[in-house]
Amino acid sequence: MGGFTGGTVWLLIAAGLAVGDLLAHRRRVTTRAVCRHVVDEPKGIVKHSLERVPLAGEGKLVVLRTKGPSVGAGRAVTISYDPKRDHEVFLADRHPRMTGRPVIVAAIGVVQIAIGIAL
């Protein structure tokens, strides 16, 4: 019975994370930023150093990581972010409604429940 109870707790945590992600998506702020520097990282990741117009006391400089280049140095781009997580910046048209965290946590819960039922 412990596996079932533990799995249920993991599923409840996953549900909470999903609700949090959806609320963050609703709170998101969209603004313009100018790319100051572009650096290639391993595995095809490109790090863009952006300067944005701070709206609510956030830092002026932020980092955007994408697969492949998204904007060149000196060019403007529209970004979005949750003011409560102002360091997590996305391209405005690619801001995810949900991250992978709830899915991973839910998978752990499902595995625990399956093991609890099998035993």
Protein backbone atom coordinates (compact mmCIF):
# COMPACT_ATOMS: atom_id res chain seq x y z
CA MET A 1 0.00 0.00 0.00
CA GLY A 2 3.00 2.32 0.55
CA GLY A 3 3.76 2.42 -3.20
CA PHE A 4 0.20 3.46 -4.00
CA THR A 5 0.17 6.22 -1.37
CA GLY A 6 3.62 7.48 -2.36
CA GLY A 7 2.64 7.44 -6.03
CA THR A 8 -0.51 9.40 -5.27
CA VAL A 9 1.56 12.03 -3.46
CA TRP A 10 3.85 12.32 -6.52
CA LEU A 11 0.79 12.75 -8.77
CA LEU A 12 -0.56 15.50 -6.51
CA ILE A 13 2.80 17.27 -6.62
CA ALA A 14 2.77 16.98 -10.44
CA ALA A 15 -0.71 18.51 -10.52
CA GLY A 16 0.52 21.41 -8.37
CA LEU A 17 3.49 21.98 -10.66
CA ALA A 18 1.21 21.94 -13.71
CA VAL A 19 -1.11 24.53 -12.16
CA GLY A 20 1.91 26.67 -11.26
CA ASP A 21 3.19 26.50 -14.84
CA LEU A 22 -0.20 27.46 -16.24
CA LEU A 23 -0.45 30.42 -13.85
CA ALA A 24 3.06 31.52 -14.81
CA HIS A 25 2.01 31.43 -18.46
CA ARG A 26 -0.99 33.64 -17.69
CA ARG A 27 1.19 36.13 -15.72
CA ARG A 28 3.76 36.40 -18.48
CA VAL A 29 5.03 39.78 -19.59
CA THR A 30 6.03 40.46 -23.18
CA THR A 31 8.64 43.08 -24.01
CA ARG A 32 11.36 43.91 -26.51
CA ALA A 33 15.01 43.15 -25.89
CA VAL A 34 18.20 43.81 -27.84
CA CYS A 35 20.75 41.04 -28.31
CA ARG A 36 24.16 42.20 -27.09
CA HIS A 37 26.22 39.03 -27.51
CA VAL A 38 25.84 35.53 -28.99
CA VAL A 39 27.92 32.51 -27.91
CA ASP A 40 27.79 28.94 -29.23
CA GLU A 41 27.62 26.26 -26.54
CA PRO A 42 27.94 22.47 -26.80
CA LYS A 43 25.19 20.35 -28.41
CA GLY A 44 23.94 23.09 -30.74
CA ILE A 45 22.78 25.42 -27.95
CA VAL A 46 23.24 29.15 -28.55
CA LYS A 47 23.43 31.57 -25.62
CA HIS A 48 22.06 35.05 -26.34
CA SER A 49 22.86 37.86 -23.88
CA LEU A 50 19.90 40.24 -24.05
CA GLU A 51 19.25 43.70 -22.66
CA ARG A 52 15.59 44.28 -21.92
CA VAL A 53 13.55 47.18 -20.67
CA PRO A 54 12.88 46.26 -17.02
CA LEU A 55 9.19 46.57 -16.22
CA ALA A 56 8.95 45.81 -12.50
CA GLY A 57 12.44 46.06 -11.06
CA GLU A 58 13.85 43.03 -12.89
CA GLY A 59 17.44 42.89 -13.99
CA LYS A 60 18.22 44.63 -17.25
CA LEU A 61 20.45 41.83 -18.62
CA VAL A 62 19.11 38.31 -19.19
CA VAL A 63 20.21 35.13 -20.94
CA LEU A 64 18.19 33.31 -23.58
CA ARG A 65 19.30 29.81 -24.60
CA THR A 66 17.92 28.28 -27.79
CA LYS A 67 18.73 25.44 -30.14
CA GLY A 68 20.41 27.28 -32.96
CA PRO A 69 20.70 31.05 -33.32
CA SER A 70 17.47 32.99 -32.79
CA VAL A 71 18.65 36.57 -33.04
CA GLY A 72 21.90 38.22 -34.08
CA ALA A 73 23.93 40.66 -32.04
CA GLY A 74 22.52 44.18 -32.22
CA ARG A 75 19.06 42.99 -33.30
CA ALA A 76 15.81 43.31 -31.36
CA VAL A 77 13.61 40.39 -30.38
CA THR A 78 10.30 40.07 -28.51
CA ILE A 79 10.67 38.04 -25.32
CA SER A 80 8.28 36.93 -22.60
CA TYR A 81 8.77 35.87 -19.00
CA ASP A 82 6.93 35.37 -15.73
CA PRO A 83 7.66 38.32 -13.40
CA LYS A 84 8.02 35.84 -10.51
CA ARG A 85 10.71 33.97 -12.48
CA ASP A 86 12.21 36.90 -14.38
CA HIS A 87 15.43 35.01 -15.13
CA GLU A 88 13.56 32.39 -17.26
CA VAL A 89 13.23 34.14 -20.62
CA PHE A 90 11.54 32.74 -23.73
CA LEU A 91 10.97 33.98 -27.24
CA ALA A 92 7.47 35.43 -27.04
CA ASP A 93 6.05 33.19 -29.76
CA ARG A 94 7.60 30.07 -28.16
CA HIS A 95 6.71 30.60 -24.49
CA PRO A 96 5.63 27.14 -23.29
CA ARG A 97 2.37 26.69 -21.41
CA MET A 98 4.00 23.96 -19.38
CA THR A 99 7.53 22.77 -18.66
CA GLY A 100 8.56 19.13 -18.51
CA ARG A 101 8.67 19.05 -14.69
CA PRO A 102 5.05 18.00 -14.11
CA VAL A 103 5.37 15.19 -16.66
CA ILE A 104 8.53 13.82 -15.04
CA VAL A 105 7.05 13.97 -11.54
CA ALA A 106 3.81 12.35 -12.75
CA ALA A 107 5.80 9.54 -14.39
CA ILE A 108 7.52 8.84 -11.07
CA GLY A 109 4.10 8.65 -9.41
CA VAL A 110 2.70 6.30 -12.05
CA VAL A 111 5.72 3.99 -11.72
CA GLN A 112 5.35 3.94 -7.93
CA ILE A 113 1.64 3.15 -8.18
CA ALA A 114 2.31 0.38 -10.73
CA ILE A 115 4.95 -1.16 -8.47
CA GLY A 116 2.63 -0.88 -5.47
CA ILE A 117 -0.19 -2.63 -7.34
CA ALA A 118 2.13 -5.36 -8.69
CA LEU A 119 3.40 -6.22 -5.21
